[in-house]
Amino acid sequence: MSPVILAAQDPTLADFGKDPWWLVLGKIVFAFVFGLLATLLGVWFERRVVGYMQVRPGPNQVGPFGLLQTLADGMKMAFKEDILPRAADKVVYFFAPTISVICAVTALSVVPFGPMVSIAGHHTPLQVTDVPVAVLVLLACSSMGIYGIVLGGWASGSTYPLLGGLRSTAQMISYEVAMGLSIVAVFMTAGTMSTSGIVAAQKSATQLNILGVDVPAPGWYAILLLPSFVIFFIATVGETNRAPFDLPEAESELVAGFMTEYSSLKFALFMLAEYVSMVTMSAVTTTLFLGGWRAPAPITTVWAGANSGWWPMLWFFAKVVLLVFVFVWLRGTLPRLRYDQFMRFGWKVLLPINLVWILVLSGLRSIEGWETRDRLLVTGIGAGVLLLITLFWPSKKKELQPTLQEQVNSRPHGSFPLPPMDLQVPPSPRITRVVAEREPANVVAGSDSREV
């Protein structure tokens, strides 16, 4: 078999665990360097894009096009004075930011960067490793990152970081649920939880049988499973604490939240963890919903070798950059949500929609082998029942708001005085007496000039 054919192959679970130690080490170093460089360039990219949106240049002084500005900022933070709060738990205070960074980088170990390639005579997949439950590894790394924020807020020994850590915990756990449920649809459609298997399942168009006619549908799950893709991406924005969900670092409310007492290199690690998480979740979204390292349909139609060799890494990085741009676009466009709005959106909107979508998808997959007439009948009945439930679902009656005068009358005795409701200043209750030397000589003091 020629190397070209091998290079075009999709990796399977049997292809892992056969590499020599130096090749495994090289893959690990590559994944780490990718996360680090993507973070450094991601900070520069965000500042440049937001500057363009706000009609200003952004960083453009340090290095060509300002590319070294992030490196200069990192060195500046590393050499700043490291302040340790007196009431802090020193061990936990030190390890909290490292937990966040390590968990974010570890998730890249099961992300496929490309197909089978030849490296120094060894045919190996462009992926550190893969397991039958690789997506659960991604979820586990994402969940473990919560501990870094929680422990950082608790170990600081201060009130503001503790409050920031608590609300960060609630935020990340809430959106972790929506993220996990949105991946269920991917499992059901791909038939595997292996990341390389999910990418392989999106390589060809899906055949849909509509009224007895096979209609080709896109292979990307972002189109085929559009509700899951939208919910998953919203959940990733909330999970990575990015605007408009950047409530853990809400400076106007929490004085930077859980990282208030951090400085120097530890603060830089927390900042690095946020951008590494953004890049990692963009790579995960690309793998699960955007076909992974495979080129889009127009390119594969014109160029047959687009998915062979090292070219797929270019398509993978392009998709990741596109998703990072969406993260930046959201930050430069939307205002921050209130905390109650954010939690209500996660539990009362995303979660119910996700459950209903999974139920519908399960029903559709369970009747795939039925006759066309039976499928149409069951689908029509289900759609009718859903429509009736939607129409006759009891709506919450809007409570009548008391009038302004009723609110004033219901105030308890001894309350603070109210300003005038008509915005007119009432006359003074004390009638000032007329001072003779300030009155004109031809004006006679009236009867209302008596002293009170």
Protein backbone atom coordinates (compact mmCIF):
# COMPACT_ATOMS: atom_id res chain seq x y z
CA MET A 1 0.00 0.00 0.00
CA SER A 2 1.44 3.36 -0.97
CA PRO A 3 2.16 6.10 1.59
CA VAL A 4 -0.32 8.42 -0.13
CA ILE A 5 -3.18 6.02 0.48
CA LEU A 6 -2.08 5.57 4.08
CA ALA A 7 -1.90 9.34 4.53
CA ALA A 8 -5.50 9.67 3.42
CA GLN A 9 -6.76 7.08 5.90
CA ASP A 10 -8.94 7.90 8.89
CA PRO A 11 -7.28 6.83 12.14
CA THR A 12 -9.03 4.19 14.24
CA LEU A 13 -8.56 3.13 17.84
CA ALA A 14 -6.30 0.30 16.64
CA ASP A 15 -3.80 2.84 15.27
CA PHE A 16 -2.97 4.27 18.70
CA GLY A 17 -0.50 2.85 21.19
CA LYS A 18 2.01 1.73 18.55
CA ASP A 19 4.22 4.83 18.33
CA PRO A 20 7.78 4.92 19.75
CA TRP A 21 8.37 7.00 22.85
CA TRP A 22 10.04 9.88 21.04
CA LEU A 23 7.08 10.23 18.67
CA VAL A 24 4.60 10.26 21.57
CA LEU A 25 6.73 12.88 23.32
CA GLY A 26 6.82 14.95 20.14
CA LYS A 27 3.03 14.86 19.87
CA ILE A 28 2.66 15.96 23.48
CA VAL A 29 5.08 18.84 22.95
CA PHE A 30 3.25 19.82 19.75
CA ALA A 31 -0.14 19.91 21.53
CA PHE A 32 1.34 21.99 24.37
CA VAL A 33 3.08 24.42 22.00
CA PHE A 34 -0.10 24.71 19.96
CA GLY A 35 -2.09 25.66 23.07
CA LEU A 36 0.56 28.15 24.20
CA LEU A 37 1.09 29.83 20.82
CA ALA A 38 -2.63 29.89 20.10
CA THR A 39 -3.15 31.64 23.43
CA LEU A 40 -0.46 34.25 22.78
CA LEU A 41 -1.79 34.92 19.29
CA GLY A 42 -5.36 34.74 20.56
CA VAL A 43 -4.84 37.64 22.96
CA TRP A 44 -3.28 39.70 20.15
CA PHE A 45 -6.03 38.64 17.76
CA GLU A 46 -8.75 39.67 20.20
CA ARG A 47 -7.25 43.07 20.87
CA ARG A 48 -6.77 43.75 17.17
CA VAL A 49 -10.28 42.65 16.19
CA VAL A 50 -11.94 44.59 19.02
CA GLY A 51 -9.81 47.61 18.09
CA TYR A 52 -11.00 47.33 14.49
CA MET A 53 -14.61 47.14 15.69
CA GLN A 54 -14.07 50.26 17.82
CA VAL A 55 -12.24 52.13 15.01
CA ARG A 56 -8.84 52.19 16.71
CA PRO A 57 -5.55 50.47 15.80
CA GLY A 58 -5.08 48.12 18.77
CA PRO A 59 -1.57 46.83 19.63
CA ASN A 60 0.81 47.81 16.83
CA GLN A 61 4.08 48.89 18.46
CA VAL A 62 5.86 45.84 19.87
CA GLY A 63 7.02 43.66 16.99
CA PRO A 64 5.59 43.55 13.46
CA PHE A 65 1.87 44.36 13.58
CA GLY A 66 2.15 44.26 17.39
CA LEU A 67 2.55 40.47 17.42
CA LEU A 68 4.97 40.56 20.36
CA GLN A 69 2.70 42.69 22.55
CA THR A 70 1.23 39.66 24.34
CA LEU A 71 4.71 38.27 25.02
CA ALA A 72 5.79 41.63 26.43
CA ASP A 73 2.70 41.77 28.66
CA GLY A 74 3.40 38.25 29.91
CA MET A 75 6.99 39.11 30.80
CA LYS A 76 5.82 42.28 32.52
CA MET A 77 3.35 40.35 34.68
CA ALA A 78 5.93 37.65 35.46
CA PHE A 79 8.42 40.19 36.83
CA LYS A 80 5.90 42.13 38.92
CA GLU A 81 5.88 41.81 42.69
CA ASP A 82 4.18 38.63 43.85
CA ILE A 83 1.92 39.48 46.79
CA LEU A 84 0.78 36.70 49.13
CA PRO A 85 -2.23 37.54 51.34
CA ARG A 86 -1.61 36.90 55.02
CA ALA A 87 -4.82 34.86 55.46
CA ALA A 88 -4.29 32.75 52.32
CA ASP A 89 -3.82 28.99 52.30
CA LYS A 90 -0.37 29.05 50.73
CA VAL A 91 -0.36 25.58 49.13
CA VAL A 92 -3.84 25.79 47.60
CA TYR A 93 -3.30 29.44 46.68
CA PHE A 94 -0.24 28.42 44.64
CA PHE A 95 -1.72 25.35 42.89
CA ALA A 96 -5.16 26.81 41.99
CA PRO A 97 -4.05 28.67 38.80
CA THR A 98 -1.94 25.71 37.67
CA ILE A 99 -4.96 23.41 37.92
CA SER A 100 -6.91 25.61 35.51
CA VAL A 101 -4.06 25.72 32.97
CA ILE A 102 -3.26 21.99 33.15
CA CYS A 103 -6.89 20.94 32.69
CA ALA A 104 -7.31 23.24 29.69
CA VAL A 105 -4.14 21.95 27.98
CA THR A 106 -4.84 18.28 28.79
CA ALA A 107 -8.07 18.37 26.80
CA LEU A 108 -6.01 18.86 23.62
CA SER A 109 -4.56 15.35 24.00
CA VAL A 110 -7.66 13.69 22.52
CA VAL A 111 -8.34 16.29 19.81
CA PRO A 112 -7.46 15.01 16.28
CA PHE A 113 -5.38 17.52 14.30
CA GLY A 114 -5.26 15.46 11.10
CA PRO A 115 -5.39 12.00 9.49
CA MET A 116 -2.73 9.30 9.27
CA VAL A 117 0.62 10.73 8.17
CA SER A 118 4.15 9.43 7.78
CA ILE A 119 6.73 10.76 10.27
CA ALA A 120 10.27 9.38 9.99
CA GLY A 121 8.95 6.17 8.47
CA HIS A 122 6.23 5.68 11.08
CA HIS A 123 2.57 5.87 9.98
CA THR A 124 0.81 7.60 12.84
CA PRO A 125 -2.32 9.71 13.40
CA LEU A 126 -1.96 13.43 14.07
CA GLN A 127 -3.41 13.00 17.54
CA VAL A 128 -1.77 12.38 20.90
CA THR A 129 -4.15 9.59 21.88
CA ASP A 130 -7.73 8.39 21.54
CA VAL A 131 -9.93 6.17 23.68
CA PRO A 132 -13.47 4.80 23.23
CA VAL A 133 -14.77 7.48 25.62
CA ALA A 134 -12.59 10.39 24.47
CA VAL A 135 -15.43 12.92 24.63
CA LEU A 136 -15.95 12.05 28.29
CA VAL A 137 -12.27 12.89 28.79
CA LEU A 138 -12.99 16.33 27.32
CA LEU A 139 -15.92 16.82 29.67
CA ALA A 140 -13.83 15.65 32.62
CA CYS A 141 -11.06 18.14 31.83
CA SER A 142 -13.62 20.90 31.48
CA SER A 143 -15.21 19.96 34.82
CA MET A 144 -11.87 19.75 36.62
CA GLY A 145 -11.07 23.29 35.51
CA ILE A 146 -13.82 24.47 37.87
CA TYR A 147 -11.68 23.43 40.84
CA GLY A 148 -9.01 25.94 39.90
CA ILE A 149 -11.48 28.81 40.13
CA VAL A 150 -13.18 27.52 43.29
CA LEU A 151 -9.93 26.87 45.13
CA GLY A 152 -8.46 30.17 43.96
CA GLY A 153 -11.39 32.08 45.41
CA TRP A 154 -11.42 30.11 48.66
CA ALA A 155 -7.67 30.01 49.29
CA SER A 156 -7.29 33.79 48.98
CA GLY A 157 -8.79 34.28 52.43
CA SER A 158 -10.85 37.27 51.35
CA THR A 159 -14.54 37.98 50.91
CA TYR A 160 -14.60 39.20 47.31
CA PRO A 161 -12.68 36.24 45.85
CA LEU A 162 -14.91 33.86 47.83
CA LEU A 163 -18.05 35.42 46.34
CA GLY A 164 -16.50 35.32 42.87
CA GLY A 165 -15.56 31.66 43.30
CA LEU A 166 -19.07 30.72 44.44
CA ARG A 167 -20.85 32.37 41.53
CA SER A 168 -18.25 30.97 39.13
CA THR A 169 -18.96 27.47 40.44
CA ALA A 170 -22.70 27.86 39.91
CA GLN A 171 -22.15 29.29 36.44
CA MET A 172 -19.79 26.61 35.17
CA ILE A 173 -21.72 23.69 36.66
CA SER A 174 -24.99 24.99 35.19
CA TYR A 175 -23.60 25.26 31.68
CA GLU A 176 -21.67 22.02 32.02
CA VAL A 177 -25.06 20.25 32.18
CA ALA A 178 -26.27 21.89 28.96
CA MET A 179 -22.95 21.11 27.26
CA GLY A 180 -23.08 17.43 28.22
CA LEU A 181 -26.65 17.01 27.01
CA SER A 182 -25.91 18.67 23.68
CA ILE A 183 -23.19 16.07 22.98
CA VAL A 184 -25.68 13.23 23.48
CA ALA A 185 -27.10 13.92 20.02
CA VAL A 186 -23.59 13.54 18.56
CA PHE A 187 -23.18 10.15 20.27
CA MET A 188 -26.51 8.98 18.95
CA THR A 189 -25.75 10.03 15.36
CA ALA A 190 -22.08 8.99 15.15
CA GLY A 191 -22.49 5.77 17.14
CA THR A 192 -19.21 6.33 19.00
CA MET A 193 -17.63 8.56 21.66
CA SER A 194 -14.18 8.41 20.09
CA THR A 195 -13.11 11.79 18.70
CA SER A 196 -11.43 10.25 15.65
CA GLY A 197 -14.56 8.17 15.05
CA ILE A 198 -16.80 11.25 15.27
CA VAL A 199 -14.63 13.03 12.67
CA ALA A 200 -14.77 9.95 10.42
CA ALA A 201 -18.58 9.84 10.75
CA GLN A 202 -18.81 13.35 9.26
CA LYS A 203 -16.74 12.63 6.15
CA SER A 204 -19.66 11.90 3.81
CA ALA A 205 -23.15 13.21 3.28
CA THR A 206 -25.97 11.72 5.33
CA GLN A 207 -28.83 10.14 3.39
CA LEU A 208 -32.25 11.20 4.65
CA ASN A 209 -35.33 9.31 3.52
CA ILE A 210 -38.12 11.83 2.95
CA LEU A 211 -41.39 10.51 1.49
CA GLY A 212 -39.56 7.46 0.20
CA VAL A 213 -36.86 9.51 -1.54
CA ASP A 214 -33.22 9.50 -0.39
CA VAL A 215 -32.10 13.09 0.01
CA PRO A 216 -28.39 13.79 0.72
CA ALA A 217 -27.86 15.97 3.80
CA PRO A 218 -24.62 17.62 4.96
CA GLY A 219 -22.27 15.44 6.93
CA TRP A 220 -21.31 18.16 9.42
CA TYR A 221 -23.25 17.85 12.64
CA ALA A 222 -23.34 21.63 12.94
CA ILE A 223 -25.98 21.54 10.18
CA LEU A 224 -27.47 18.10 10.74
CA LEU A 225 -27.80 18.65 14.51
CA LEU A 226 -28.24 22.41 14.48
CA PRO A 227 -30.01 22.74 17.89
CA SER A 228 -27.26 20.75 19.59
CA PHE A 229 -24.58 22.84 17.89
CA VAL A 230 -26.15 26.15 18.96
CA ILE A 231 -26.67 25.00 22.55
CA PHE A 232 -23.17 23.53 22.74
CA PHE A 233 -21.53 26.73 21.52
CA ILE A 234 -23.55 28.88 23.92
CA ALA A 235 -22.57 26.53 26.73
CA THR A 236 -18.89 26.78 25.77
CA VAL A 237 -19.10 30.57 25.95
CA GLY A 238 -20.56 30.27 29.45
CA GLU A 239 -18.10 27.54 30.41
CA THR A 240 -15.06 29.59 29.38
CA ASN A 241 -16.33 32.72 31.20
CA ARG A 242 -16.32 34.80 28.05
CA ALA A 243 -18.51 37.82 27.36
CA PRO A 244 -21.46 38.20 27.57
CA PHE A 245 -21.09 35.52 30.28
CA ASP A 246 -17.92 36.87 31.93
CA LEU A 247 -19.55 37.02 35.36
CA PRO A 248 -16.62 35.52 37.35
CA GLU A 249 -14.47 38.55 36.42
CA ALA A 250 -17.27 41.13 36.56
CA GLU A 251 -15.05 44.05 37.57
CA SER A 252 -17.98 46.41 38.07
CA GLU A 253 -19.55 44.02 40.60
CA LEU A 254 -16.87 41.80 42.16
CA VAL A 255 -13.54 43.65 41.85
CA ALA A 256 -12.28 40.99 39.36
CA GLY A 257 -13.95 38.12 41.23
CA PHE A 258 -12.03 35.01 42.23
CA MET A 259 -8.64 36.37 41.13
CA THR A 260 -8.79 39.61 43.13
CA GLU A 261 -5.93 38.65 45.47
CA TYR A 262 -3.70 37.22 42.74
CA SER A 263 -0.80 39.09 41.17
CA SER A 264 2.29 38.56 39.06
CA LEU A 265 2.73 35.15 37.41
CA LYS A 266 -0.24 33.52 39.19
CA PHE A 267 -2.59 36.13 37.77
CA ALA A 268 -1.03 35.56 34.35
CA LEU A 269 -1.73 31.82 34.69
CA PHE A 270 -5.42 32.48 35.37
CA MET A 271 -5.55 34.77 32.35
CA LEU A 272 -3.69 32.17 30.29
CA ALA A 273 -6.15 29.47 31.39
CA GLU A 274 -9.09 31.48 30.07
CA TYR A 275 -7.59 31.86 26.61
CA VAL A 276 -6.33 28.26 26.51
CA SER A 277 -9.87 27.15 27.36
CA MET A 278 -11.24 29.33 24.56
CA VAL A 279 -8.88 27.77 22.02
CA THR A 280 -9.46 24.25 23.38
CA MET A 281 -13.24 24.54 23.24
CA SER A 282 -12.98 25.93 19.70
CA ALA A 283 -10.96 22.84 18.76
CA VAL A 284 -13.51 20.57 20.47
CA THR A 285 -16.39 22.30 18.67
CA THR A 286 -14.55 21.86 15.38
CA THR A 287 -14.07 18.15 16.11
CA LEU A 288 -17.64 17.41 17.18
CA PHE A 289 -19.66 19.59 14.83
CA LEU A 290 -17.54 21.05 11.99
CA GLY A 291 -16.02 17.91 10.52
CA GLY A 292 -12.74 18.16 12.40
CA TRP A 293 -9.70 18.35 10.13
CA ARG A 294 -11.70 17.69 6.94
CA ALA A 295 -11.91 20.42 4.31
CA PRO A 296 -15.28 22.02 3.53
CA ALA A 297 -17.34 20.63 0.66
CA PRO A 298 -16.40 23.24 -2.00
CA ILE A 299 -12.68 22.50 -1.53
CA THR A 300 -13.05 18.72 -1.59
CA THR A 301 -15.17 18.97 -4.74
CA VAL A 302 -12.44 20.81 -6.64
CA TRP A 303 -9.39 19.19 -5.03
CA ALA A 304 -9.44 15.44 -4.38
CA GLY A 305 -6.30 15.49 -2.21
CA ALA A 306 -7.49 18.18 0.18
CA ASN A 307 -7.86 15.68 3.03
CA SER A 308 -4.55 13.90 2.47
CA GLY A 309 -1.16 14.41 4.07
CA TRP A 310 -0.54 17.53 6.15
CA TRP A 311 -3.12 19.75 4.44
CA PRO A 312 -5.92 18.83 6.89
CA MET A 313 -4.08 20.68 9.65
CA LEU A 314 -4.62 23.88 7.66
CA TRP A 315 -8.38 23.32 7.53
CA PHE A 316 -8.46 22.45 11.23
CA PHE A 317 -6.59 25.61 12.25
CA ALA A 318 -8.78 27.73 9.95
CA LYS A 319 -11.93 26.44 11.64
CA VAL A 320 -10.45 27.07 15.08
CA VAL A 321 -9.53 30.64 14.15
CA LEU A 322 -13.04 31.19 12.81
CA LEU A 323 -14.59 30.07 16.11
CA VAL A 324 -12.14 32.21 18.10
CA PHE A 325 -13.27 35.15 15.97
CA VAL A 326 -16.87 34.42 16.98
CA PHE A 327 -15.79 34.51 20.65
CA VAL A 328 -14.16 37.90 20.08
CA TRP A 329 -17.13 39.12 18.06
CA LEU A 330 -19.47 38.33 20.94
CA ARG A 331 -17.25 40.19 23.38
CA GLY A 332 -17.13 43.29 21.22
CA THR A 333 -20.89 43.27 20.54
CA LEU A 334 -22.98 42.09 23.50
CA PRO A 335 -23.24 43.59 26.99
CA ARG A 336 -22.82 41.45 30.08
CA LEU A 337 -25.91 39.68 31.39
CA ARG A 338 -27.17 40.01 34.91
CA TYR A 339 -26.46 36.98 37.07
CA ASP A 340 -30.14 36.04 37.47
CA GLN A 341 -30.70 36.35 33.71
CA PHE A 342 -27.68 34.16 33.05
CA MET A 343 -28.76 31.37 35.42
CA ARG A 344 -32.37 31.52 34.24
CA PHE A 345 -31.23 31.20 30.62
CA GLY A 346 -29.16 28.12 31.41
CA TRP A 347 -31.68 26.21 33.51
CA LYS A 348 -35.03 27.34 32.08
CA VAL A 349 -34.18 27.78 28.39
CA LEU A 350 -31.18 25.73 27.28
CA LEU A 351 -31.88 22.69 29.45
CA PRO A 352 -35.58 22.17 28.45
CA ILE A 353 -34.84 22.77 24.76
CA ASN A 354 -31.99 20.28 24.94
CA LEU A 355 -34.14 17.59 26.56
CA VAL A 356 -36.97 18.04 24.04
CA TRP A 357 -34.51 17.92 21.12
CA ILE A 358 -32.91 14.71 22.40
CA LEU A 359 -36.35 13.17 22.83
CA VAL A 360 -37.34 14.11 19.28
CA LEU A 361 -34.06 12.84 17.84
CA SER A 362 -34.39 9.56 19.73
CA GLY A 363 -37.89 9.09 18.36
CA LEU A 364 -36.76 9.78 14.80
CA ARG A 365 -33.88 7.32 15.04
CA SER A 366 -36.09 4.61 16.55
CA ILE A 367 -38.44 4.63 13.55
CA GLU A 368 -35.75 4.69 10.83
CA GLY A 369 -36.44 1.06 9.89
CA TRP A 370 -40.21 1.48 9.60
CA GLU A 371 -42.19 1.78 6.42
CA THR A 372 -42.55 5.24 4.92
CA ARG A 373 -46.28 5.41 5.65
CA ASP A 374 -45.83 4.44 9.29
CA ARG A 375 -43.01 6.95 9.76
CA LEU A 376 -45.11 9.77 8.32
CA LEU A 377 -48.06 8.80 10.51
CA VAL A 378 -46.02 8.69 13.71
CA THR A 379 -44.17 11.89 12.84
CA GLY A 380 -47.43 13.72 12.08
CA ILE A 381 -49.03 12.57 15.32
CA GLY A 382 -45.99 13.63 17.32
CA ALA A 383 -45.86 17.03 15.64
CA GLY A 384 -49.59 17.54 16.28
CA VAL A 385 -49.28 16.64 19.95
CA LEU A 386 -46.32 19.00 20.32
CA LEU A 387 -48.27 21.79 18.61
CA LEU A 388 -51.26 21.29 20.90
CA ILE A 389 -49.06 21.31 23.98
CA THR A 390 -47.45 24.53 22.79
CA LEU A 391 -50.79 26.21 22.10
CA PHE A 392 -52.54 25.19 25.31
CA TRP A 393 -49.61 25.38 27.69
CA PRO A 394 -50.80 27.44 30.67
CA SER A 395 -49.11 30.79 30.79
CA LYS A 396 -48.27 32.52 33.99
CA LYS A 397 -50.75 35.26 34.78
CA LYS A 398 -49.15 38.61 35.03
CA GLU A 399 -49.61 40.07 38.49
CA LEU A 400 -51.27 43.46 38.66
CA GLN A 401 -48.79 46.08 39.69
CA PRO A 402 -50.05 48.45 42.42
CA THR A 403 -50.35 52.08 41.52
CA LEU A 404 -47.86 54.64 42.75
CA GLN A 405 -50.29 56.00 45.30
CA GLU A 406 -51.02 52.48 46.61
CA GLN A 407 -47.32 51.88 47.03
CA VAL A 408 -47.00 55.15 48.95
CA ASN A 409 -49.95 54.31 51.20
CA SER A 410 -48.59 50.85 51.97
CA ARG A 411 -45.32 52.18 53.35
CA PRO A 412 -44.85 51.45 57.08
CA HIS A 413 -45.00 54.20 59.64
CA GLY A 414 -41.73 56.00 60.22
CA SER A 415 -40.33 55.42 56.74
CA PHE A 416 -37.99 57.87 55.10
CA PRO A 417 -39.76 60.87 53.53
CA LEU A 418 -40.53 60.67 49.83
CA PRO A 419 -39.73 63.34 47.27
CA PRO A 420 -42.72 65.05 45.63
CA MET A 421 -44.44 62.77 43.14
CA ASP A 422 -45.15 65.62 40.70
CA LEU A 423 -41.54 66.83 40.84
CA GLN A 424 -42.67 70.24 42.13
CA VAL A 425 -41.07 71.72 45.21
CA PRO A 426 -43.79 72.38 47.82
CA PRO A 427 -43.91 75.72 49.62
CA SER A 428 -41.90 75.97 52.77
CA PRO A 429 -43.94 75.24 55.91
CA ARG A 430 -42.18 78.09 57.70
CA ILE A 431 -43.29 81.49 56.49
CA THR A 432 -40.27 83.72 56.52
CA ARG A 433 -40.78 87.12 57.99
CA VAL A 434 -40.20 90.17 55.87
CA VAL A 435 -36.92 91.79 56.68
CA ALA A 436 -37.34 95.56 56.48
CA GLU A 437 -33.94 96.36 55.11
CA ARG A 438 -34.47 93.88 52.21
CA GLU A 439 -37.94 95.14 51.31
CA PRO A 440 -38.45 98.01 48.91
CA ALA A 441 -39.46 101.21 50.70
CA ASN A 442 -42.81 101.50 48.87
CA VAL A 443 -43.90 97.92 49.68
CA VAL A 444 -46.06 97.39 52.71
CA ALA A 445 -45.63 94.08 54.47
CA GLY A 446 -48.64 91.88 54.02
CA SER A 447 -50.59 89.99 56.61
CA ASP A 448 -48.71 86.81 55.80
CA SER A 449 -45.39 88.23 56.96
CA ARG A 450 -45.89 87.28 60.54
CA GLU A 451 -43.28 85.15 62.18
CA VAL A 452 -44.07 81.53 62.74
